[in-house]
Amino acid sequence: MADWLYGAAIVAGGLAGAGVMYAGLRGRLARSKALFDISMLLHSTLRRGEQMDRIIRTARRVLPVEAASFMLLDHETGELIFEVAQGDKGDEVREIRLSPGEGIAGVVASTGQSVIVNDAARDSRWSERVSQATGFATRNLLTVPIINQGRVEGILQVINKRGRSGFTRKDRAWLEQVAKPMAVALENTRLYEQAEQSLTALNTTTAIKERLESELQIAGGIQMSFLPRTMPSSQEPYDICALLKSAKEVGGDFYNFYKVSNNLLFFTLGDVSDKGIPAALFMAVTLTLIKGKMTRDMTPGQLLRLVNEELASDNPPLFATIVCGVFNTETGEVVMSEGGHCPPYIVRAGGEVEPVKLRKSLPLAAMQDVDYHDIAVQLEHGDRLVVYTDGITEAENAAQELYSGERLREFLAMTPGMSSAEVIDALLMHVFMFAGDAPQSDDIAVLSLMRK
């Protein structure tokens, strides 16, 4: 009988040992499966809060605790911020920020070393602020750092292990294994957030760019509406044509011409000291004032003085160089005045090119109380007057050479017999061929008036 009992005891002991081994194997399998599930969660979402919440829930299936939290370290302030808090008091915990070095979490964040505390009330490092704020009693806790490339990025903390036993070194080793993919998740979400921010910024910039392009197109259309829309009839005793080519969608060069009486043709051409929308607005105001103040009995010099007083009275940051004149279609006389502009040219019917020596004055809006002077010149039949902006003479090629006034004179000497439109088309082609691949750096305006 004794032998039988002894044998039964041996068998029972073996079965118990086998049970312990099986339970241990099952626990290791559960933890391995949890780690595998956590690695798969890294691809489930790239939003930090969602990722951390799912990882912690998976870990709690293996390590049963009453509460768990993920705290992100703010490297600028050193504070720990509750990003995820699971448990009965999770919502209240998420409103708390821990000061640098505060509590067990602060110690782990500063040292980068995991800490097991199985009697929180007796640990001098323990901070009761969270417990007092939430009413949650903490018996024991396990805290591990989340480290990425040697730097602590956050803290993983589990509180109140279920059952009578406290946290063990095996629990710590396993939770540290959980923290490793959390570090990868943090890096991935950081990169994702940066990509999202860059994409948002790009979309915002694109929307602004598209809106500006649309507004610039509208502004360009408005600017062109200030210019003459129809050319004079072929029955008129003169041939006039003008062209404006802005370096941007809108610019500051301008021109205009219209009859102020049956035999008087007014014309003007100018250049605002800027480009883009500010120059276009200044150009619009200048042309409006010119057209509103010009009368048949007024000389160009008198007109410029009036317009300048209006513009300069507001002390604007821009100014405009200008040439304007009145052509008598019966006599061929042209009375002109200028303000700081390039000298016009007269191309005689025989091909001679003469600069018009106007008496110099200041650009419009440069200062108040400026006198503008009238000079009269005579156009005979076949003679041509050419007025232009410095976008012609200062056009550069790839070698940074200027087109120059001398090249312009050489070109104009070849234009007798050509219409005004033909002269302007050929001049622009001549300038652009000279510039080659160099971009247009300034607005261009040119006006040609020929007496038939």
Protein backbone atom coordinates (compact mmCIF):
# COMPACT_ATOMS: atom_id res chain seq x y z
CA MET A 1 0.00 0.00 0.00
CA ALA A 2 2.78 2.37 0.88
CA ASP A 3 4.48 1.66 -2.39
CA TRP A 4 1.31 2.47 -4.23
CA LEU A 5 0.91 5.80 -2.40
CA TYR A 6 4.53 6.66 -3.10
CA GLY A 7 4.05 5.93 -6.76
CA ALA A 8 0.86 7.96 -6.89
CA ALA A 9 2.63 10.88 -5.32
CA ILE A 10 5.37 10.72 -7.93
CA VAL A 11 2.79 10.68 -10.70
CA ALA A 12 0.87 13.57 -9.14
CA GLY A 13 4.04 15.58 -8.77
CA GLY A 14 4.91 14.96 -12.36
CA LEU A 15 1.51 16.05 -13.50
CA ALA A 16 1.72 19.20 -11.36
CA GLY A 17 5.13 20.01 -12.81
CA ALA A 18 3.81 19.48 -16.27
CA GLY A 19 0.92 21.81 -15.45
CA VAL A 20 3.30 24.51 -14.30
CA MET A 21 5.38 24.10 -17.42
CA TYR A 22 2.27 24.27 -19.58
CA ALA A 23 1.04 27.40 -17.81
CA GLY A 24 4.45 29.02 -18.25
CA LEU A 25 4.53 28.09 -21.93
CA ARG A 26 1.04 29.41 -22.41
CA GLY A 27 2.05 32.70 -20.74
CA ARG A 28 5.11 33.06 -22.98
CA LEU A 29 2.98 32.31 -26.03
CA ALA A 30 0.46 34.93 -24.93
CA ARG A 31 3.17 37.52 -24.50
CA SER A 32 4.78 36.65 -27.84
CA LYS A 33 1.42 36.89 -29.56
CA ALA A 34 0.79 40.25 -27.89
CA LEU A 35 4.16 41.57 -29.13
CA PHE A 36 3.32 40.29 -32.62
CA ASP A 37 -0.07 42.01 -32.47
CA ILE A 38 1.62 45.22 -31.32
CA SER A 39 4.04 45.08 -34.26
CA MET A 40 1.07 44.70 -36.59
CA LEU A 41 -0.63 47.67 -34.94
CA LEU A 42 2.26 49.87 -36.12
CA HIS A 43 0.73 49.66 -39.61
CA SER A 44 -2.91 50.06 -38.56
CA THR A 45 -2.85 53.85 -38.15
CA LEU A 46 -0.37 56.70 -38.19
CA ARG A 47 -2.22 58.83 -35.65
CA ARG A 48 -0.27 58.88 -32.41
CA GLY A 49 -3.17 58.78 -29.94
CA GLU A 50 -4.90 55.90 -31.72
CA GLN A 51 -1.68 53.89 -32.02
CA MET A 52 -0.72 54.27 -28.37
CA ASP A 53 -4.23 53.46 -27.17
CA ARG A 54 -4.34 50.24 -29.18
CA ILE A 55 -0.85 49.18 -28.11
CA ILE A 56 -1.65 49.68 -24.42
CA ARG A 57 -4.94 47.76 -24.69
CA THR A 58 -3.09 44.87 -26.31
CA ALA A 59 -0.45 44.88 -23.58
CA ARG A 60 -3.10 44.86 -20.84
CA ARG A 61 -4.47 41.58 -22.15
CA VAL A 62 -1.23 39.93 -20.95
CA LEU A 63 -0.43 42.13 -17.97
CA PRO A 64 -3.75 42.71 -16.20
CA VAL A 65 -3.76 46.10 -14.43
CA GLU A 66 -6.39 48.56 -13.27
CA ALA A 67 -5.00 51.51 -15.20
CA ALA A 68 -2.35 52.35 -17.77
CA SER A 69 -1.09 55.54 -19.36
CA PHE A 70 1.26 56.87 -22.02
CA MET A 71 2.95 60.20 -21.30
CA LEU A 72 4.73 62.23 -23.97
CA LEU A 73 7.79 64.21 -22.93
CA ASP A 74 7.77 67.88 -23.95
CA HIS A 75 11.46 68.51 -24.64
CA GLU A 76 11.05 72.29 -24.49
CA THR A 77 9.49 72.43 -21.01
CA GLY A 78 10.53 69.04 -19.62
CA GLU A 79 6.89 68.35 -18.68
CA LEU A 80 5.15 64.99 -19.12
CA ILE A 81 1.80 65.17 -20.90
CA PHE A 82 -0.79 62.40 -20.60
CA GLU A 83 -1.56 61.45 -24.22
CA VAL A 84 -3.38 58.19 -23.39
CA ALA A 85 -4.88 57.22 -20.02
CA GLN A 86 -6.89 54.03 -19.70
CA GLY A 87 -8.91 53.23 -16.61
CA ASP A 88 -11.83 54.58 -14.61
CA LYS A 89 -10.24 58.03 -14.21
CA GLY A 90 -8.68 58.30 -17.69
CA ASP A 91 -10.51 61.49 -18.72
CA GLU A 92 -9.45 63.31 -15.55
CA VAL A 93 -5.84 62.10 -15.80
CA ARG A 94 -5.44 63.45 -19.33
CA GLU A 95 -5.90 67.01 -18.05
CA ILE A 96 -2.80 66.80 -15.82
CA ARG A 97 0.77 67.77 -16.74
CA LEU A 98 3.67 66.56 -14.63
CA SER A 99 6.51 68.97 -13.90
CA PRO A 100 10.11 67.98 -14.77
CA GLY A 101 11.25 65.24 -12.37
CA GLU A 102 7.86 64.98 -10.65
CA GLY A 103 6.91 61.57 -9.30
CA ILE A 104 8.06 58.15 -10.48
CA ALA A 105 7.30 59.10 -14.10
CA GLY A 106 9.50 62.18 -13.82
CA VAL A 107 12.35 60.11 -12.40
CA VAL A 108 12.12 57.58 -15.23
CA ALA A 109 11.98 60.39 -17.82
CA SER A 110 15.13 62.00 -16.41
CA THR A 111 17.15 58.79 -15.90
CA GLY A 112 15.89 56.62 -18.75
CA GLN A 113 15.71 53.65 -16.32
CA SER A 114 12.63 51.55 -15.56
CA VAL A 115 11.24 51.58 -12.01
CA ILE A 116 9.09 49.06 -10.08
CA VAL A 117 7.23 50.36 -7.03
CA ASN A 118 5.16 47.75 -5.18
CA ASP A 119 4.29 49.99 -2.22
CA ALA A 120 3.61 53.47 -3.56
CA ALA A 121 2.65 54.93 -0.19
CA ARG A 122 6.08 54.18 1.27
CA ASP A 123 8.14 55.40 -1.73
CA SER A 124 9.53 58.92 -1.26
CA ARG A 125 9.64 59.46 -5.02
CA TRP A 126 5.91 58.92 -5.38
CA SER A 127 3.79 62.02 -6.15
CA GLU A 128 0.22 61.91 -4.87
CA ARG A 129 -0.94 64.81 -7.08
CA VAL A 130 -2.57 62.56 -9.68
CA SER A 131 -4.22 60.38 -7.02
CA GLN A 132 -5.50 63.41 -5.13
CA ALA A 133 -6.84 65.02 -8.30
CA THR A 134 -8.65 61.88 -9.47
CA GLY A 135 -9.38 60.01 -6.25
CA PHE A 136 -7.69 56.94 -7.70
CA ALA A 137 -5.75 54.92 -5.10
CA THR A 138 -2.40 53.65 -6.31
CA ARG A 139 -0.98 50.54 -4.63
CA ASN A 140 1.81 49.64 -7.01
CA LEU A 141 3.08 50.70 -10.39
CA LEU A 142 5.56 49.82 -13.11
CA THR A 143 7.07 52.60 -15.20
CA VAL A 144 9.32 52.16 -18.26
CA PRO A 145 10.85 54.77 -20.62
CA ILE A 146 10.10 54.95 -24.33
CA ILE A 147 13.47 55.60 -25.94
CA ASN A 148 14.15 56.50 -29.56
CA GLN A 149 17.74 56.87 -30.79
CA GLY A 150 19.05 57.26 -27.25
CA ARG A 151 16.56 59.96 -26.23
CA VAL A 152 13.58 59.52 -23.91
CA GLU A 153 10.44 60.43 -25.87
CA GLY A 154 7.81 59.33 -23.39
CA ILE A 155 6.79 57.09 -20.50
CA LEU A 156 4.66 53.91 -20.33
CA GLN A 157 3.16 53.33 -16.91
CA VAL A 158 0.86 50.57 -15.59
CA ILE A 159 -0.82 50.82 -12.18
CA ASN A 160 -2.27 48.32 -9.68
CA LYS A 161 -1.50 44.84 -10.93
CA ARG A 162 -4.53 42.60 -10.39
CA GLY A 163 -4.09 39.85 -7.83
CA ARG A 164 -2.11 39.75 -4.60
CA SER A 165 1.39 39.81 -6.03
CA GLY A 166 3.18 42.94 -7.12
CA PHE A 167 5.08 43.67 -10.29
CA THR A 168 8.08 41.47 -11.05
CA ARG A 169 11.31 41.81 -13.00
CA LYS A 170 9.70 39.62 -15.63
CA ASP A 171 6.83 42.15 -15.91
CA ARG A 172 9.38 44.95 -16.27
CA ALA A 173 11.33 43.10 -18.99
CA TRP A 174 8.15 42.41 -20.91
CA LEU A 175 6.83 45.99 -20.64
CA GLU A 176 10.20 47.22 -21.87
CA GLN A 177 9.68 45.00 -24.90
CA VAL A 178 6.33 46.70 -25.44
CA ALA A 179 7.99 50.14 -25.17
CA LYS A 180 10.37 49.40 -28.07
CA PRO A 181 7.69 49.32 -30.82
CA MET A 182 6.06 52.32 -29.15
CA ALA A 183 9.29 54.25 -29.83
CA VAL A 184 9.06 53.21 -33.49
CA ALA A 185 5.41 54.26 -33.52
CA LEU A 186 6.30 57.67 -32.11
CA GLU A 187 8.92 58.23 -34.81
CA ASN A 188 6.50 57.12 -37.53
CA THR A 189 3.73 59.37 -36.27
CA ARG A 190 6.16 62.28 -35.97
CA LEU A 191 7.17 61.83 -39.60
CA TYR A 192 3.53 61.44 -40.60
CA GLU A 193 2.55 64.62 -38.76
CA GLN A 194 5.40 66.49 -40.46
CA ALA A 195 4.25 65.17 -43.83
CA GLU A 196 0.67 66.18 -43.05
CA GLN A 197 1.79 69.66 -42.03
CA SER A 198 3.88 69.98 -45.19
CA LEU A 199 0.96 68.79 -47.32
CA THR A 200 -1.41 71.20 -45.58
CA ALA A 201 1.06 74.04 -46.08
CA LEU A 202 1.49 73.05 -49.73
CA ASN A 203 -2.28 72.94 -50.28
CA THR A 204 -2.66 76.31 -48.57
CA THR A 205 0.18 77.80 -50.62
CA THR A 206 -1.28 76.34 -53.83
CA ALA A 207 -4.71 77.76 -53.04
CA ILE A 208 -3.21 81.18 -52.30
CA LYS A 209 -1.13 81.00 -55.49
CA GLU A 210 -4.17 80.06 -57.58
CA ARG A 211 -6.20 82.86 -56.01
CA LEU A 212 -3.42 85.36 -56.61
CA GLU A 213 -3.02 84.20 -60.20
CA SER A 214 -6.76 84.63 -60.71
CA GLU A 215 -6.67 88.07 -59.12
CA LEU A 216 -3.64 89.03 -61.20
CA GLN A 217 -5.44 87.96 -64.37
CA ILE A 218 -8.39 90.10 -63.37
CA ALA A 219 -6.05 92.99 -62.52
CA GLY A 220 -4.31 92.57 -65.87
CA GLY A 221 -7.67 92.75 -67.63
CA ILE A 222 -8.59 95.87 -65.69
CA GLN A 223 -5.23 97.43 -66.52
CA MET A 224 -5.66 96.75 -70.24
CA SER A 225 -9.14 98.29 -70.10
CA PHE A 226 -7.47 101.68 -69.49
CA LEU A 227 -5.65 101.46 -72.82
CA PRO A 228 -7.15 102.38 -76.21
CA ARG A 229 -9.24 99.54 -77.62
CA THR A 230 -9.48 100.74 -81.22
CA MET A 231 -6.96 102.16 -83.65
CA PRO A 232 -7.68 105.37 -85.63
CA SER A 233 -9.41 105.09 -88.97
CA SER A 234 -7.18 104.72 -92.01
CA GLN A 235 -8.77 107.96 -93.28
CA GLU A 236 -7.00 109.94 -90.56
CA PRO A 237 -3.92 111.96 -91.65
CA TYR A 238 -1.76 110.07 -89.15
CA ASP A 239 -0.86 106.51 -88.20
CA ILE A 240 -0.54 105.74 -84.48
CA CYS A 241 -0.01 102.48 -82.66
CA ALA A 242 1.18 101.53 -79.16
CA LEU A 243 1.98 98.34 -77.25
CA LEU A 244 2.43 97.36 -73.61
CA LYS A 245 4.17 94.15 -72.55
CA SER A 246 4.46 93.69 -68.78
CA ALA A 247 7.26 91.68 -67.22
CA LYS A 248 4.65 90.23 -64.83
CA GLU A 249 0.89 89.70 -65.09
CA VAL A 250 0.43 93.39 -64.40
CA GLY A 251 2.92 96.22 -64.52
CA GLY A 252 3.54 99.91 -64.25
CA ASP A 253 4.13 101.02 -67.85
CA PHE A 254 1.24 102.79 -69.52
CA TYR A 255 0.15 104.66 -72.61
CA ASN A 256 -2.94 106.30 -74.03
CA PHE A 257 -4.04 108.37 -76.99
CA TYR A 258 -7.31 109.98 -78.02
CA LYS A 259 -8.57 113.06 -79.83
CA VAL A 260 -9.34 116.14 -77.73
CA SER A 261 -10.77 117.98 -80.77
CA ASN A 262 -11.18 117.40 -84.51
CA ASN A 263 -7.56 118.30 -85.25
CA LEU A 264 -5.80 117.65 -81.93
CA LEU A 265 -4.59 114.18 -80.93
CA PHE A 266 -3.41 113.72 -77.35
CA PHE A 267 -0.94 110.94 -76.50
CA THR A 268 1.04 109.90 -73.44
CA LEU A 269 3.41 107.15 -72.35
CA GLY A 270 4.98 106.54 -68.95
CA ASP A 271 6.68 104.21 -66.52
CA VAL A 272 5.81 103.73 -62.82
CA SER A 273 8.76 103.09 -60.49
CA ASP A 274 7.70 99.57 -59.55
CA LYS A 275 6.10 96.43 -60.93
CA GLY A 276 3.11 94.31 -60.05
CA ILE A 277 -0.17 95.36 -58.49
CA PRO A 278 1.04 98.53 -56.66
CA ALA A 279 2.44 99.89 -59.93
CA ALA A 280 -0.72 98.93 -61.79
CA LEU A 281 -2.87 100.77 -59.27
CA PHE A 282 -0.67 103.87 -59.47
CA MET A 283 -0.79 103.65 -63.26
CA ALA A 284 -4.61 103.46 -63.18
CA VAL A 285 -4.84 106.55 -60.97
CA THR A 286 -2.38 108.46 -63.18
CA LEU A 287 -4.22 107.66 -66.41
CA THR A 288 -7.55 108.54 -64.80
CA LEU A 289 -6.24 111.93 -63.69
CA ILE A 290 -4.69 112.61 -67.09
CA LYS A 291 -7.88 111.86 -68.96
CA GLY A 292 -10.04 113.71 -66.46
CA LYS A 293 -8.03 116.93 -66.51
CA MET A 294 -6.95 117.23 -70.17
CA THR A 295 -8.86 119.75 -72.24
CA ARG A 296 -8.42 121.07 -75.79
CA ASP A 297 -7.09 124.39 -74.51
CA MET A 298 -4.49 122.91 -72.19
CA THR A 299 -0.82 122.33 -73.01
CA PRO A 300 0.95 119.10 -71.97
CA GLY A 301 3.07 121.04 -69.45
CA GLN A 302 -0.01 122.52 -67.81
CA LEU A 303 -1.62 119.09 -67.64
CA LEU A 304 1.42 117.49 -66.00
CA ARG A 305 1.57 120.21 -63.38
CA LEU A 306 -2.07 119.62 -62.41
CA VAL A 307 -1.69 115.84 -62.34
CA ASN A 308 1.51 116.06 -60.33
CA GLU A 309 -0.14 118.25 -57.67
CA GLU A 310 -2.90 115.65 -57.24
CA LEU A 311 -0.50 112.70 -57.05
CA ALA A 312 2.17 114.31 -54.88
CA SER A 313 -0.31 115.68 -52.33
CA ASP A 314 -0.72 112.19 -50.83
CA ASN A 315 3.05 111.62 -50.68
CA PRO A 316 2.86 108.19 -52.38
CA PRO A 317 5.80 105.74 -52.25
CA LEU A 318 5.82 105.52 -56.08
CA PHE A 319 6.44 107.96 -58.89
CA ALA A 320 6.07 107.85 -62.67
CA THR A 321 8.24 109.10 -65.49
CA ILE A 322 6.17 110.38 -68.38
CA VAL A 323 6.04 111.97 -71.83
CA CYS A 324 2.84 113.47 -73.17
CA GLY A 325 2.07 115.55 -76.20
CA VAL A 326 -0.58 117.05 -78.47
CA PHE A 327 -0.29 116.47 -82.23
CA ASN A 328 -1.96 118.95 -84.56
CA THR A 329 -3.15 116.77 -87.41
CA GLU A 330 -3.46 119.74 -89.80
CA THR A 331 -0.10 121.46 -89.27
CA GLY A 332 2.04 118.50 -88.09
CA GLU A 333 3.17 120.40 -84.98
CA VAL A 334 3.71 118.34 -81.83
CA VAL A 335 3.82 120.08 -78.43
CA MET A 336 5.37 117.84 -75.78
CA SER A 337 6.33 117.86 -72.12
CA GLU A 338 8.13 115.31 -69.99
CA GLY A 339 8.88 114.28 -66.41
CA GLY A 340 12.13 112.35 -66.00
CA HIS A 341 11.55 110.10 -69.03
CA CYS A 342 13.68 108.62 -71.83
CA PRO A 343 14.19 111.02 -74.79
CA PRO A 344 11.79 110.33 -77.70
CA TYR A 345 13.09 110.00 -81.27
CA ILE A 346 11.92 111.48 -84.53
CA VAL A 347 12.55 109.29 -87.58
CA ARG A 348 12.52 111.47 -90.68
CA ALA A 349 11.05 110.18 -93.91
CA GLY A 350 14.58 109.94 -95.35
CA GLY A 351 15.83 107.73 -92.48
CA GLU A 352 17.56 110.30 -90.27
CA VAL A 353 16.99 109.67 -86.56
CA GLU A 354 16.90 112.69 -84.25
CA PRO A 355 16.50 112.66 -80.44
CA VAL A 356 13.87 115.12 -79.21
CA LYS A 357 15.57 117.38 -76.68
CA LEU A 358 12.79 118.04 -74.20
CA ARG A 359 13.39 120.29 -71.23
CA LYS A 360 13.84 117.99 -68.25
CA SER A 361 11.63 117.98 -65.19
CA LEU A 362 10.84 115.66 -62.26
CA PRO A 363 8.73 112.49 -62.47
CA LEU A 364 5.11 112.70 -61.43
CA ALA A 365 4.54 112.45 -57.65
CA ALA A 366 8.23 113.02 -56.85
CA MET A 367 7.36 116.30 -55.10
CA GLN A 368 4.81 119.09 -55.20
CA ASP A 369 5.03 122.48 -56.90
CA VAL A 370 7.01 121.32 -59.95
CA ASP A 371 7.02 123.13 -63.29
CA TYR A 372 6.72 121.14 -66.51
CA HIS A 373 7.84 122.73 -69.77
CA ASP A 374 6.41 122.63 -73.31
CA ILE A 375 8.58 122.06 -76.37
CA ALA A 376 7.27 122.13 -79.96
CA VAL A 377 8.63 119.99 -82.82
CA GLN A 378 7.49 119.62 -86.42
CA LEU A 379 6.55 116.39 -88.19
CA GLU A 380 6.56 116.51 -91.94
CA HIS A 381 4.73 113.98 -94.10
CA GLY A 382 6.33 110.58 -93.60
CA ASP A 383 8.07 111.59 -90.35
CA ARG A 384 7.58 109.43 -87.28
CA LEU A 385 7.73 110.10 -83.52
CA VAL A 386 8.72 107.14 -81.31
CA VAL A 387 8.21 107.21 -77.54
CA TYR A 388 9.26 104.27 -75.35
CA THR A 389 10.09 103.19 -71.80
CA ASP A 390 13.47 102.05 -70.51
CA GLY A 391 12.32 98.43 -70.74
CA ILE A 392 13.53 98.75 -74.35
CA THR A 393 16.93 100.36 -73.90
CA GLU A 394 17.76 98.52 -70.65
CA ALA A 395 16.82 95.04 -71.84
CA GLU A 396 19.72 92.68 -71.08
CA ASN A 397 21.08 89.60 -72.77
CA ALA A 398 22.74 86.62 -71.07
CA ALA A 399 26.05 88.52 -70.96
CA GLN A 400 24.28 91.39 -69.13
CA GLU A 401 24.81 93.75 -72.06
CA LEU A 402 22.16 96.45 -72.53
CA TYR A 403 20.15 96.87 -75.70
CA SER A 404 20.98 100.60 -75.35
CA GLY A 405 19.79 103.77 -77.01
CA GLU A 406 22.38 103.39 -79.76
CA ARG A 407 20.94 100.06 -80.90
CA LEU A 408 17.49 101.62 -80.84
CA ARG A 409 18.65 104.45 -83.11
CA GLU A 410 20.26 101.97 -85.49
CA PHE A 411 17.05 100.00 -85.66
CA LEU A 412 14.85 103.08 -86.19
CA ALA A 413 17.04 104.16 -89.09
CA MET A 414 15.78 101.07 -90.95
CA THR A 415 12.07 101.80 -90.48
CA PRO A 416 11.10 104.52 -93.04
CA GLY A 417 8.14 103.33 -95.09
CA MET A 418 6.89 100.96 -92.39
CA SER A 419 3.54 101.42 -90.63
CA SER A 420 3.45 102.16 -86.93
CA ALA A 421 2.24 98.63 -86.13
CA GLU A 422 5.03 97.12 -88.26
CA VAL A 423 7.65 99.26 -86.52
CA ILE A 424 6.48 98.18 -83.05
CA ASP A 425 6.31 94.48 -83.96
CA ALA A 426 9.75 94.59 -85.54
CA LEU A 427 11.23 96.54 -82.61
CA LEU A 428 9.99 94.04 -80.03
CA MET A 429 11.34 91.17 -82.11
CA HIS A 430 14.68 92.96 -82.39
CA VAL A 431 14.84 93.46 -78.60
CA PHE A 432 13.85 89.88 -77.77
CA MET A 433 16.33 88.45 -80.25
CA PHE A 434 19.02 90.52 -78.60
CA ALA A 435 17.98 89.36 -75.10
CA GLY A 436 17.87 85.70 -76.17
CA ASP A 437 17.07 83.39 -73.26
CA ALA A 438 17.47 86.13 -70.64
CA PRO A 439 14.10 86.78 -68.95
CA GLN A 440 12.28 90.06 -69.43
CA SER A 441 13.25 92.06 -66.35
CA ASP A 442 11.19 95.21 -66.91
CA ASP A 443 7.91 96.30 -68.43
CA ILE A 444 8.00 97.52 -72.01
CA ALA A 445 5.84 100.18 -73.62
CA VAL A 446 6.33 101.84 -76.99
CA LEU A 447 4.27 104.28 -79.08
CA SER A 448 4.75 105.22 -82.72
CA LEU A 449 3.04 108.24 -84.33
CA MET A 450 3.57 108.95 -88.04
CA ARG A 451 2.24 111.84 -90.02
CA LYS A 452 0.99 110.58 -93.37
